[in-house]
Amino acid sequence: MYDYLIVGSGLYGAVCACELKKRGKKCLVLEKRPHVGGNVYTETVEGIHVHTYGAHIFHTSDKKIWDYVNALVPFNRFVNSPIARYHDECYNMPFNMNTFTKLWGDVFTPAQAEARIAEERKAYATAEPKNLEEQALNLVGKTIYEKLVKEYTEKQWGKSCTELPAFIIKRLPVRFTFDNNYFNDTYQGIPEGGYTLLIEKLLEGTEVRLSCDFFAEKEKWEKSARRIIYTGAVDRYFDYCFGPLEYRSVRFETEVLDMPNFQGVAVVNYTSHDEPFTRIIEHKHFEFGTQPKTVISREYSSAWKMGDEPYYPVNDEKNGALYERYRALAAAEPNVVFGGRLGQYRYYDMDDVIAAAFEMLEKEPA
C-alpha cells in the first residue's frame, strides 16, 4: 500500500513526489507517456535539448522557488527576448522603445511614444469594449494592434478578433524603455542539461511507472494508495459527465537543419497570416549552443478535440461555469487532490505550479 499515488509526472506531480519523499511517504508516480516530465520534457537531438512540447522559460521573483530549483539543477542566464515578424519587418518584443522607434520613424523618446500611442488610443476609445479588437485598440491603438496583435491572436484562437471576448486581453504591456527582456521577474533561466534532468532529480528515489494509463485500471490504482494526487484533466476524471471542457491545442513540426544558426534567437513570433504557424523556436539558443547543426520547431495553434493534447484552457464564461461544476465534484472527493494545469483548468507559469504544489502540501496531513 502506497501513501500517495501521483497521477502524472509533470512539474506539479514531480514536486509533490520530491517533497513527500522528504516526509518519509511512500509514493508511486504513474505516467501515461513513455517519458517523465509532462509538457516540460526535453529530448536530446544533435546534442541540443529540444523542448518537445513547446518552449518553457523559467522565470520568477520568488527567491525561495528560484533557490529550490537551482539546488536540484543549476540554471543558466537565458533571458527571453523574442522577435515579432510581420511580413518582411522584424520588431522587438515586448512592446518597448525599440519597437516604437521602428514602428514610427518620427518617434525617438518615451514622451513621443506615449503621445503617439495616446493619440491612437483616443481615436478608438470606447467605454465598454464588446470584443477583443475593441479592447486591444483601446489599449494600444491601431498600429501596434494591426501589426503585432490582430493576426497573431486570430491564429492562436482560430477566430476573428471581433468574435473573441474582450477579457482575453485584459492588458497589453507597453514599456517606455529600450529593454527587450520579455519578463519582469527577478530571476530567469533554463536548467543546464534540460528540463528532463530537473524532473529526474525531483523524482529521484520515487517509484515511477511509464506508459501507464491510470484510467485503464482505475479501480486497481485507487485501492493501491491512501491518497491520490491527480494532475490530469479534471473532466476526464469524472468521465466528462457534464461534457468536456474546451482547450486550444498545439501541433509542432520539428526539423534538424544542417546549419549552425537559423534565426539568431530562441523565439520568433509570426504575427501575420502570411505563415500558418504562430512561431518558430530554435532550441539551441536557450542554452547558447554552438553545435554544428540546429533544431527548429514550427508551432501551429489548433482547435482541441478528444484525444488531442490539451494545452491552453479556454477561460471564457461558458467554460468557467462548466469548470465550477467539476470543481464541486472534485472538492467532494475525500482522498483525491486535483492539481496542476489540467487538474485545476487554469494556465500556470512554472513557478506558479511549484508554489501551488507547496501550498497544497502544507495542508496535507503529516
Protein backbone atom coordinates (compact mmCIF):
# COMPACT_ATOMS: atom_id res chain seq x y z
CA MET A 1 0.00 0.00 0.00
CA TYR A 2 1.35 3.38 -1.02
CA ASP A 3 0.81 6.54 1.00
CA TYR A 4 0.32 8.51 -2.24
CA LEU A 5 -0.46 7.67 -5.82
CA ILE A 6 0.58 10.58 -8.04
CA VAL A 7 -1.04 10.59 -11.45
CA GLY A 8 1.22 12.50 -13.85
CA SER A 9 4.96 13.21 -13.74
CA GLY A 10 4.87 16.84 -14.83
CA LEU A 11 6.27 19.60 -12.66
CA TYR A 12 3.37 19.59 -10.16
CA GLY A 13 3.44 15.82 -9.66
CA ALA A 14 7.25 15.68 -9.53
CA VAL A 15 7.48 18.41 -6.87
CA CYS A 16 4.85 16.58 -4.80
CA ALA A 17 6.80 13.33 -5.11
CA CYS A 18 10.03 15.02 -4.05
CA GLU A 19 8.54 16.76 -1.02
CA LEU A 20 6.52 13.75 0.14
CA LYS A 21 9.62 11.55 -0.07
CA LYS A 22 11.36 14.01 2.29
CA ARG A 23 8.50 13.39 4.72
CA GLY A 24 9.09 9.66 4.54
CA LYS A 25 5.98 8.95 2.47
CA LYS A 26 5.89 6.01 0.07
CA CYS A 27 4.77 7.27 -3.35
CA LEU A 28 4.08 5.79 -6.76
CA VAL A 29 4.02 8.01 -9.84
CA LEU A 30 2.00 6.90 -12.87
CA GLU A 31 2.79 8.46 -16.24
CA LYS A 32 0.79 7.65 -19.38
CA ARG A 33 3.57 8.86 -21.69
CA PRO A 34 6.76 6.86 -22.27
CA HIS A 35 8.78 9.58 -20.52
CA VAL A 36 8.63 11.75 -17.40
CA GLY A 37 8.16 15.49 -17.33
CA GLY A 38 4.78 16.15 -18.90
CA ASN A 39 4.95 19.15 -21.22
CA VAL A 40 8.29 20.38 -19.86
CA TYR A 41 10.01 17.24 -21.18
CA THR A 42 13.14 17.88 -23.23
CA GLU A 43 14.81 15.35 -25.52
CA THR A 44 18.36 15.49 -26.87
CA VAL A 45 18.74 15.85 -30.65
CA GLU A 46 22.14 16.57 -32.24
CA GLY A 47 23.39 17.46 -28.76
CA ILE A 48 20.62 20.06 -28.36
CA HIS A 49 17.96 19.91 -25.62
CA VAL A 50 14.73 20.18 -27.60
CA HIS A 51 11.56 21.42 -25.86
CA THR A 52 9.35 18.69 -27.30
CA TYR A 53 6.02 20.22 -26.25
CA GLY A 54 6.84 23.87 -26.78
CA ALA A 55 9.18 26.43 -25.27
CA HIS A 56 9.38 26.61 -21.49
CA ILE A 57 11.28 29.52 -19.93
CA PHE A 58 11.55 29.57 -16.17
CA HIS A 59 11.02 32.97 -14.57
CA THR A 60 10.09 34.02 -11.05
CA SER A 61 10.52 36.77 -8.48
CA ASP A 62 10.23 34.26 -5.63
CA LYS A 63 13.75 33.63 -4.32
CA LYS A 64 12.59 30.56 -2.40
CA ILE A 65 11.39 28.90 -5.61
CA TRP A 66 14.47 30.02 -7.58
CA ASP A 67 16.77 28.57 -4.91
CA TYR A 68 14.68 25.39 -4.80
CA VAL A 69 15.10 24.55 -8.48
CA ASN A 70 18.74 25.65 -8.60
CA ALA A 71 19.57 23.34 -5.70
CA LEU A 72 18.48 20.48 -7.96
CA VAL A 73 19.94 21.64 -11.29
CA PRO A 74 21.89 24.85 -11.96
CA PHE A 75 20.06 27.27 -14.25
CA ASN A 76 21.75 29.36 -16.91
CA ARG A 77 21.37 33.11 -17.55
CA PHE A 78 18.98 32.90 -20.54
CA VAL A 79 16.77 35.99 -20.90
CA ASN A 80 13.72 35.76 -23.14
CA SER A 81 13.91 38.48 -25.80
CA PRO A 82 11.62 37.29 -28.62
CA ILE A 83 11.27 38.87 -32.05
CA ALA A 84 7.98 39.52 -33.84
CA ARG A 85 7.99 39.19 -37.62
CA TYR A 86 5.24 40.95 -39.56
CA HIS A 87 5.55 40.28 -43.30
CA ASP A 88 9.15 41.41 -44.02
CA GLU A 89 9.53 43.53 -40.88
CA CYS A 90 11.04 42.46 -37.53
CA TYR A 91 10.17 44.06 -34.18
CA ASN A 92 11.40 43.60 -30.64
CA MET A 93 9.06 42.16 -28.03
CA PRO A 94 7.58 43.03 -25.62
CA PHE A 95 6.29 46.39 -26.90
CA ASN A 96 9.08 48.79 -25.94
CA MET A 97 11.07 51.74 -27.25
CA ASN A 98 12.93 49.53 -29.72
CA THR A 99 9.52 48.53 -31.10
CA PHE A 100 8.13 52.05 -31.20
CA THR A 101 11.13 53.70 -32.90
CA LYS A 102 10.81 51.17 -35.71
CA LEU A 103 7.01 51.36 -35.98
CA TRP A 104 7.09 55.16 -36.24
CA GLY A 105 10.02 56.84 -37.95
CA ASP A 106 9.49 60.12 -36.09
CA VAL A 107 9.37 58.61 -32.58
CA PHE A 108 12.65 58.64 -30.62
CA THR A 109 11.80 59.34 -26.98
CA PRO A 110 9.44 57.86 -24.38
CA ALA A 111 7.41 61.09 -24.37
CA GLN A 112 6.95 60.92 -28.13
CA ALA A 113 5.97 57.23 -27.95
CA GLU A 114 3.46 57.88 -25.16
CA ALA A 115 1.93 60.73 -27.11
CA ARG A 116 1.63 58.68 -30.31
CA ILE A 117 0.00 55.73 -28.53
CA ALA A 118 -2.34 58.04 -26.61
CA GLU A 119 -3.36 59.70 -29.87
CA GLU A 120 -4.16 56.36 -31.49
CA ARG A 121 -6.00 55.09 -28.43
CA LYS A 122 -8.15 58.23 -28.35
CA ALA A 123 -9.30 57.61 -31.92
CA TYR A 124 -10.73 54.21 -30.92
CA ALA A 125 -11.79 54.92 -27.34
CA THR A 126 -14.91 53.13 -26.15
CA ALA A 127 -16.17 52.85 -22.59
CA GLU A 128 -17.17 49.19 -22.82
CA PRO A 129 -15.27 47.19 -25.45
CA LYS A 130 -17.53 44.49 -26.91
CA ASN A 131 -14.80 42.24 -28.28
CA LEU A 132 -11.05 41.66 -28.30
CA GLU A 133 -10.47 44.02 -31.22
CA GLU A 134 -12.13 46.94 -29.48
CA GLN A 135 -10.28 46.13 -26.26
CA ALA A 136 -6.88 46.00 -27.97
CA LEU A 137 -7.49 49.23 -29.88
CA ASN A 138 -8.47 50.82 -26.56
CA LEU A 139 -5.19 49.68 -25.02
CA VAL A 140 -2.57 50.30 -27.73
CA GLY A 141 -4.19 51.89 -30.79
CA LYS A 142 -4.27 50.83 -34.44
CA THR A 143 -0.61 50.47 -35.45
CA ILE A 144 0.50 48.06 -32.70
CA TYR A 145 -2.78 46.18 -32.88
CA GLU A 146 -2.73 45.59 -36.63
CA LYS A 147 0.94 44.65 -36.92
CA LEU A 148 1.63 42.77 -33.69
CA VAL A 149 -1.66 41.63 -32.13
CA LYS A 150 -4.52 41.07 -34.56
CA GLU A 151 -3.48 38.27 -36.91
CA TYR A 152 -1.27 36.52 -34.34
CA THR A 153 -4.22 36.36 -31.93
CA GLU A 154 -6.51 35.09 -34.68
CA LYS A 155 -4.07 32.28 -35.46
CA GLN A 156 -3.84 31.40 -31.78
CA TRP A 157 -7.60 31.20 -31.24
CA GLY A 158 -8.83 30.23 -34.69
CA LYS A 159 -11.35 33.09 -34.67
CA SER A 160 -11.59 36.70 -35.77
CA CYS A 161 -10.70 39.21 -33.06
CA THR A 162 -14.21 40.65 -33.43
CA GLU A 163 -15.58 37.24 -32.38
CA LEU A 164 -13.33 36.87 -29.33
CA PRO A 165 -14.38 38.24 -25.92
CA ALA A 166 -12.70 41.42 -24.72
CA PHE A 167 -11.44 39.93 -21.45
CA ILE A 168 -8.94 37.65 -23.22
CA ILE A 169 -6.69 40.71 -23.44
CA LYS A 170 -7.02 42.44 -20.08
CA ARG A 171 -3.84 44.40 -20.70
CA LEU A 172 -1.04 44.69 -23.25
CA PRO A 173 2.29 45.54 -21.60
CA VAL A 174 3.76 48.74 -23.04
CA ARG A 175 7.23 49.73 -21.81
CA PHE A 176 8.84 53.06 -22.47
CA THR A 177 12.40 51.76 -22.12
CA PHE A 178 14.87 50.18 -24.53
CA ASP A 179 14.64 46.82 -22.72
CA ASN A 180 13.84 43.63 -24.65
CA ASN A 181 13.54 41.39 -21.58
CA TYR A 182 10.07 39.86 -22.00
CA PHE A 183 9.59 39.05 -18.32
CA ASN A 184 9.77 41.46 -15.41
CA ASP A 185 10.74 38.79 -12.91
CA THR A 186 13.93 38.97 -10.86
CA TYR A 187 15.16 35.51 -11.86
CA GLN A 188 15.10 33.84 -15.26
CA GLY A 189 16.85 30.95 -16.96
CA ILE A 190 16.85 27.43 -18.35
CA PRO A 191 18.10 24.36 -16.47
CA GLU A 192 21.55 23.34 -17.67
CA GLY A 193 21.02 19.93 -19.23
CA GLY A 194 17.33 20.50 -19.98
CA TYR A 195 14.08 20.20 -18.03
CA THR A 196 14.09 16.41 -18.10
CA LEU A 197 17.14 16.47 -15.84
CA LEU A 198 15.26 18.71 -13.39
CA ILE A 199 12.27 16.34 -13.33
CA GLU A 200 14.54 13.31 -12.88
CA LYS A 201 16.17 15.00 -9.87
CA LEU A 202 12.74 15.68 -8.36
CA LEU A 203 11.70 12.06 -8.88
CA GLU A 204 14.96 10.56 -7.61
CA GLY A 205 14.20 7.71 -5.20
CA THR A 206 10.47 7.56 -6.09
CA GLU A 207 8.93 4.63 -7.95
CA VAL A 208 7.74 5.70 -11.42
CA ARG A 209 5.82 3.63 -13.96
CA LEU A 210 5.84 4.92 -17.53
CA SER A 211 3.34 4.21 -20.32
CA CYS A 212 0.80 3.50 -17.59
CA ASP A 213 -2.71 4.88 -18.04
CA PHE A 214 -4.44 5.47 -14.70
CA PHE A 215 -7.86 5.05 -16.30
CA ALA A 216 -7.07 1.67 -17.85
CA GLU A 217 -7.21 0.13 -14.34
CA LYS A 218 -8.68 2.95 -12.29
CA GLU A 219 -10.25 0.81 -9.56
CA LYS A 220 -7.00 -1.09 -9.03
CA TRP A 221 -4.94 2.08 -8.71
CA GLU A 222 -7.48 3.76 -6.42
CA LYS A 223 -7.08 0.87 -3.99
CA SER A 224 -3.28 0.99 -4.13
CA ALA A 225 -2.83 4.18 -2.08
CA ARG A 226 -4.31 6.05 0.86
CA ARG A 227 -4.29 9.36 -1.05
CA ILE A 228 -4.25 10.32 -4.73
CA ILE A 229 -2.72 13.44 -6.27
CA TYR A 230 -4.29 13.72 -9.69
CA THR A 231 -2.77 16.10 -12.26
CA GLY A 232 -4.71 15.01 -15.36
CA ALA A 233 -7.75 16.69 -16.88
CA VAL A 234 -10.44 17.19 -14.24
CA ASP A 235 -13.30 16.49 -16.69
CA ARG A 236 -11.64 13.21 -17.74
CA TYR A 237 -11.52 12.06 -14.11
CA PHE A 238 -15.30 12.36 -13.90
CA ASP A 239 -15.78 10.73 -17.32
CA TYR A 240 -16.93 14.03 -18.88
CA CYS A 241 -20.22 13.72 -17.02
CA PHE A 242 -21.06 17.39 -17.67
CA GLY A 243 -19.43 17.43 -21.09
CA PRO A 244 -15.80 18.21 -22.00
CA LEU A 245 -14.08 21.46 -21.11
CA GLU A 246 -12.57 23.34 -24.06
CA TYR A 247 -8.87 23.78 -24.77
CA ARG A 248 -6.62 25.04 -27.52
CA SER A 249 -4.06 22.55 -28.73
CA VAL A 250 -0.68 22.99 -30.43
CA ARG A 251 0.93 20.99 -33.21
CA PHE A 252 4.69 21.01 -33.76
CA GLU A 253 6.78 20.45 -36.86
CA THR A 254 10.36 19.88 -35.77
CA GLU A 255 13.33 19.52 -38.09
CA VAL A 256 17.10 19.34 -37.94
CA LEU A 257 18.87 21.86 -40.17
CA ASP A 258 22.43 21.44 -41.42
CA MET A 259 23.49 24.92 -40.34
CA PRO A 260 24.75 26.37 -37.05
CA ASN A 261 22.21 29.20 -36.74
CA PHE A 262 18.77 29.60 -38.36
CA GLN A 263 17.19 32.72 -36.85
CA GLY A 264 19.65 34.07 -34.27
CA VAL A 265 17.19 33.98 -31.36
CA ALA A 266 15.22 31.34 -29.48
CA VAL A 267 11.73 32.64 -30.33
CA VAL A 268 10.31 34.42 -33.39
CA ASN A 269 6.57 35.13 -33.40
CA TYR A 270 4.97 35.33 -36.86
CA THR A 271 2.26 37.92 -36.42
CA SER A 272 0.67 37.91 -39.89
CA HIS A 273 -1.43 35.38 -41.78
CA ASP A 274 1.42 35.06 -44.31
CA GLU A 275 2.56 32.00 -42.37
CA PRO A 276 0.14 29.47 -40.84
CA PHE A 277 2.33 28.85 -37.79
CA THR A 278 2.40 31.17 -34.79
CA ARG A 279 6.10 31.00 -34.06
CA ILE A 280 9.40 29.23 -34.69
CA ILE A 281 11.53 28.02 -31.79
CA GLU A 282 15.27 27.48 -32.31
CA HIS A 283 16.12 25.33 -29.32
CA LYS A 284 19.91 25.70 -29.15
CA HIS A 285 19.62 29.39 -28.24
CA PHE A 286 18.02 28.52 -24.89
CA GLU A 287 21.41 27.19 -23.80
CA PHE A 288 23.73 29.28 -26.00
CA GLY A 289 24.55 26.22 -28.10
CA THR A 290 27.47 26.09 -30.54
CA GLN A 291 26.61 22.75 -32.16
CA PRO A 292 27.27 22.50 -35.93
CA LYS A 293 23.57 21.79 -36.60
CA THR A 294 20.39 23.35 -35.27
CA VAL A 295 16.86 22.17 -34.45
CA ILE A 296 13.77 24.29 -35.07
CA SER A 297 10.09 23.75 -34.26
CA ARG A 298 7.20 25.45 -36.00
CA GLU A 299 4.14 25.80 -33.78
CA TYR A 300 0.60 25.61 -35.14
CA SER A 301 -2.31 26.50 -32.90
CA SER A 302 -5.37 24.30 -33.41
CA ALA A 303 -8.80 23.55 -32.06
CA TRP A 304 -8.74 20.79 -29.46
CA LYS A 305 -10.69 17.60 -29.93
CA MET A 306 -10.94 14.49 -27.79
CA GLY A 307 -7.65 12.58 -27.94
CA ASP A 308 -5.53 15.68 -28.61
CA GLU A 309 -3.12 17.05 -26.03
CA PRO A 310 -4.86 19.93 -24.21
CA TYR A 311 -2.55 22.94 -23.87
CA TYR A 312 -4.45 26.10 -23.03
CA PRO A 313 -7.81 26.25 -21.24
CA VAL A 314 -10.44 28.38 -22.94
CA ASN A 315 -11.25 30.55 -19.94
CA ASP A 316 -14.46 32.10 -21.18
CA GLU A 317 -17.73 32.41 -19.29
CA LYS A 318 -19.18 29.14 -20.57
CA ASN A 319 -16.14 27.04 -19.66
CA GLY A 320 -15.73 28.85 -16.35
CA ALA A 321 -19.24 27.82 -15.36
CA LEU A 322 -18.63 24.26 -16.52
CA TYR A 323 -15.38 24.02 -14.57
CA GLU A 324 -17.15 25.20 -11.41
CA ARG A 325 -19.43 22.16 -11.69
CA TYR A 326 -16.41 19.85 -11.98
CA ARG A 327 -14.62 21.69 -9.18
CA ALA A 328 -17.57 20.96 -6.88
CA LEU A 329 -17.27 17.26 -7.69
CA ALA A 330 -13.51 17.39 -7.10
CA ALA A 331 -13.96 19.04 -3.72
CA ALA A 332 -16.29 16.21 -2.68
CA GLU A 333 -13.67 13.50 -3.41
CA PRO A 334 -12.38 12.67 0.08
CA ASN A 335 -8.98 11.21 -0.78
CA VAL A 336 -8.12 12.89 -4.08
CA VAL A 337 -6.28 16.16 -4.60
CA PHE A 338 -6.62 17.81 -8.03
CA GLY A 339 -3.64 19.91 -9.02
CA GLY A 340 -1.73 21.47 -11.87
CA ARG A 341 -2.75 22.99 -15.18
CA LEU A 342 -5.23 20.28 -16.15
CA GLY A 343 -6.45 19.32 -12.70
CA GLN A 344 -7.37 22.94 -11.95
CA TYR A 345 -8.21 24.05 -15.51
CA ARG A 346 -6.00 27.13 -15.49
CA TYR A 347 -2.86 28.39 -17.14
CA TYR A 348 0.14 28.25 -14.81
CA ASP A 349 3.66 29.59 -15.20
CA MET A 350 6.18 27.08 -13.91
CA ASP A 351 6.93 28.95 -10.70
CA ASP A 352 3.18 29.13 -10.04
CA VAL A 353 2.99 25.34 -10.45
CA ILE A 354 5.67 24.86 -7.80
CA ALA A 355 4.05 27.40 -5.48
CA ALA A 356 0.66 25.67 -5.88
CA ALA A 357 2.23 22.29 -5.06
CA PHE A 358 3.88 23.76 -1.93
CA GLU A 359 0.58 25.32 -0.85
CA MET A 360 -1.30 22.06 -1.32
CA LEU A 361 1.32 20.03 0.57
CA GLU A 362 1.14 22.41 3.55
CA LYS A 363 -2.47 21.30 4.01
CA GLU A 364 -1.71 17.59 3.75
CA PRO A 365 -1.58 15.55 6.98
CA ALA A 366 1.91 14.90 8.32
